[in-house]
Protein backbone atom coordinates (compact mmCIF):
# COMPACT_ATOMS: atom_id res chain seq x y z
CA MET A 1 -12.92 -1.22 41.89
CA LYS A 2 -12.61 1.94 43.71
CA PRO A 3 -14.70 4.82 42.15
CA GLN A 4 -11.60 6.64 41.50
CA LYS A 5 -9.86 4.01 39.38
CA LEU A 6 -13.43 3.42 37.56
CA ASN A 7 -13.14 6.94 36.59
CA LEU A 8 -10.06 7.07 35.46
CA PHE A 9 -10.61 3.37 33.50
CA PHE A 10 -13.51 5.08 31.48
CA GLU A 11 -11.44 8.19 30.80
CA ILE A 12 -8.63 5.81 29.01
CA LEU A 13 -11.57 4.11 27.71
CA GLY A 14 -13.06 6.79 26.29
CA ARG A 15 -9.91 8.14 25.09
CA GLY A 16 -8.95 5.03 23.15
CA LEU A 17 -12.75 4.70 21.27
CA ARG A 18 -12.30 8.43 19.98
CA SER A 19 -8.69 7.84 19.23
CA GLY A 20 -9.57 4.30 17.27
CA LEU A 21 -12.91 6.12 15.63
CA GLN A 22 -10.89 8.85 14.12
CA THR A 23 -8.36 6.51 12.28
CA THR A 24 -10.83 3.85 11.13
CA ARG A 25 -12.23 7.44 9.64
CA THR A 26 -9.24 8.56 8.02
CA LEU A 27 -8.46 5.08 6.64
CA ALA A 28 -12.00 5.01 5.00
CA LEU A 29 -11.31 8.21 3.57
CA ILE A 30 -8.66 6.98 1.77
CA ILE A 31 -9.34 3.63 0.78
CA VAL A 32 -13.38 3.96 0.29
CA PRO A 33 -12.80 6.04 -2.61
CA VAL A 34 -9.63 4.36 -4.06
CA TYR A 35 -11.53 0.82 -3.81
CA LEU A 36 -14.57 2.28 -5.39
CA ILE A 37 -12.74 4.10 -8.42
CA ILE A 38 -10.37 0.96 -9.27
CA THR A 39 -13.67 -1.24 -8.93
CA LEU A 40 -15.78 0.80 -11.30
CA LEU A 41 -12.18 1.34 -13.81
CA GLY A 42 -12.23 -2.88 -13.34
CA LYS A 43 -15.80 -2.81 -15.21
CA THR A 44 -14.05 -0.41 -18.03
CA PRO A 45 -11.24 -1.03 -20.54
CA VAL A 46 -9.00 1.70 -18.62
CA LEU A 47 -7.85 -0.88 -16.41
CA HIS A 48 -7.48 -3.87 -18.48
CA THR A 49 -5.65 -1.06 -20.97
CA ILE A 50 -3.01 -0.23 -18.04
CA GLY A 51 -2.78 -4.05 -17.27
CA ARG A 52 -1.89 -4.90 -20.57
CA ILE A 53 0.79 -2.11 -21.25
CA PHE A 54 2.32 -3.38 -17.38
CA ARG A 55 1.54 -6.93 -17.81
CA PRO A 56 5.29 -8.05 -18.66
CA LEU A 57 6.86 -5.87 -15.85
CA MET A 58 4.33 -7.04 -13.26
CA GLU A 59 4.48 -10.72 -14.55
CA PHE A 60 7.97 -10.93 -14.25
CA ILE A 61 7.33 -10.21 -10.05
CA GLY A 62 4.14 -12.86 -10.18
CA LEU A 63 1.44 -10.21 -10.23
CA PRO A 64 -1.35 -9.67 -12.58
CA GLY A 65 -0.93 -6.50 -14.77
CA GLU A 66 -3.68 -4.64 -13.47
CA ALA A 67 -1.88 -4.42 -10.22
CA VAL A 68 0.67 -1.53 -11.25
CA MET A 69 -2.20 1.18 -10.10
CA GLY A 70 -1.79 -0.35 -6.38
CA VAL A 71 2.17 -0.54 -6.51
CA VAL A 72 1.80 3.21 -8.53
CA LEU A 73 -0.22 4.17 -5.62
CA GLY A 74 1.91 2.50 -2.83
CA ASN A 75 5.00 4.00 -3.92
CA THR A 76 3.11 7.92 -4.54
CA LEU A 77 0.81 8.17 -2.08
CA ASN A 78 0.70 5.16 1.04
CA LEU A 79 0.13 2.04 2.22
CA TYR A 80 -3.52 2.42 2.45
CA ALA A 81 -4.39 3.87 -1.16
CA ALA A 82 -2.44 0.44 -2.65
CA ILE A 83 -4.84 -1.49 -0.31
CA GLY A 84 -7.83 -0.09 -1.86
CA ALA A 85 -6.33 -0.51 -5.17
CA VAL A 86 -5.62 -4.03 -5.45
CA THR A 87 -8.49 -5.81 -3.18
CA PRO A 88 -10.87 -5.77 -6.09
CA LEU A 89 -8.29 -7.69 -8.04
CA GLU A 90 -8.94 -10.43 -5.65
CA LEU A 91 -5.14 -11.50 -5.78
CA ASN A 92 -4.16 -15.24 -4.42
CA HIS A 93 -1.76 -15.66 -1.21
CA LYS A 94 1.14 -15.79 -3.30
CA GLN A 95 0.65 -12.26 -5.10
CA ILE A 96 -0.42 -10.81 -2.16
CA THR A 97 2.81 -11.59 -0.32
CA ILE A 98 4.86 -10.33 -3.45
CA PHE A 99 2.83 -7.28 -3.77
CA ALA A 100 3.49 -6.73 0.18
CA LEU A 101 6.85 -7.35 0.07
CA PHE A 102 7.61 -5.04 -2.86
CA LEU A 103 5.88 -2.31 -0.79
CA LEU A 104 7.10 -3.00 2.10
CA THR A 105 10.64 -2.01 0.42
CA SER A 106 9.24 0.64 -1.77
CA HIS A 107 6.30 2.59 -0.19
CA SER A 108 5.48 6.43 0.27
CA LEU A 109 8.56 7.33 -1.73
CA PRO A 110 7.63 11.41 -2.22
CA ILE A 111 6.93 11.82 1.47
CA GLU A 112 10.18 9.48 2.75
CA ALA A 113 12.22 11.03 0.06
CA ALA A 114 11.73 14.90 1.56
CA VAL A 115 12.59 13.45 4.84
CA SER A 116 15.85 11.47 3.72
CA ARG A 117 16.68 14.97 2.10
CA MET A 118 16.25 16.94 4.99
CA ALA A 119 19.16 13.87 6.55
CA GLY A 120 21.27 14.96 3.84
CA VAL A 121 20.74 11.92 1.50
CA LYS A 122 20.60 12.48 -2.08
CA VAL A 123 17.21 11.94 -3.35
CA TRP A 124 17.43 10.07 -6.89
CA PRO A 125 20.16 7.39 -5.66
CA PHE A 126 17.62 6.81 -2.49
CA VAL A 127 14.43 6.25 -4.81
CA ILE A 128 16.25 4.19 -7.07
CA LEU A 129 17.61 2.10 -4.40
CA ARG A 130 14.07 1.54 -3.02
CA LEU A 131 12.27 0.91 -6.21
CA GLY A 132 15.15 -1.34 -7.34
CA ALA A 133 15.09 -3.35 -3.96
CA GLY A 134 11.57 -3.84 -4.13
CA PHE A 135 11.29 -4.90 -7.29
CA PHE A 136 14.50 -7.51 -7.30
CA LEU A 137 13.02 -9.20 -3.80
CA ALA A 138 9.66 -9.35 -5.20
CA ALA A 139 11.00 -11.04 -8.45
CA GLY A 140 13.15 -13.27 -6.23
CA LEU A 141 10.09 -14.00 -4.19
CA ASN A 142 8.18 -14.99 -7.34
CA PHE A 143 11.01 -17.26 -8.86
CA PHE A 144 11.91 -18.97 -5.51
CA TRP A 145 8.26 -19.65 -4.34
CA ILE A 146 7.29 -23.29 -4.14
């Protein structure tokens, strides 16, 4: 390889490594604390109480009541917080798929609502549509899962 191409290769490699490490750091700053908090709450009656309150609604879409924390974090913060919240729950493949489908449809609502408002979309119908679609799709997947 020519020295010029080799230098360019290492320059690109260095930028990629720095970018990858920065992204890993950013994600870890979100996922690790949420994971720890949910794990600690799981050792107390708090998470179980929240789960009991939301159990009927969450079971309708095929999730345990405790997964409501992941749904709320995914809808209000971002998907990485939701991942950190549900990882300690040890969901099975069906539940993970339902959870992912729900949040694929309705995630980061405050940020996306603000962007939509700037584009001229009314916020409340937008939020209700996204939450309703997520719930409807999750319930449908739960119902038709074989």
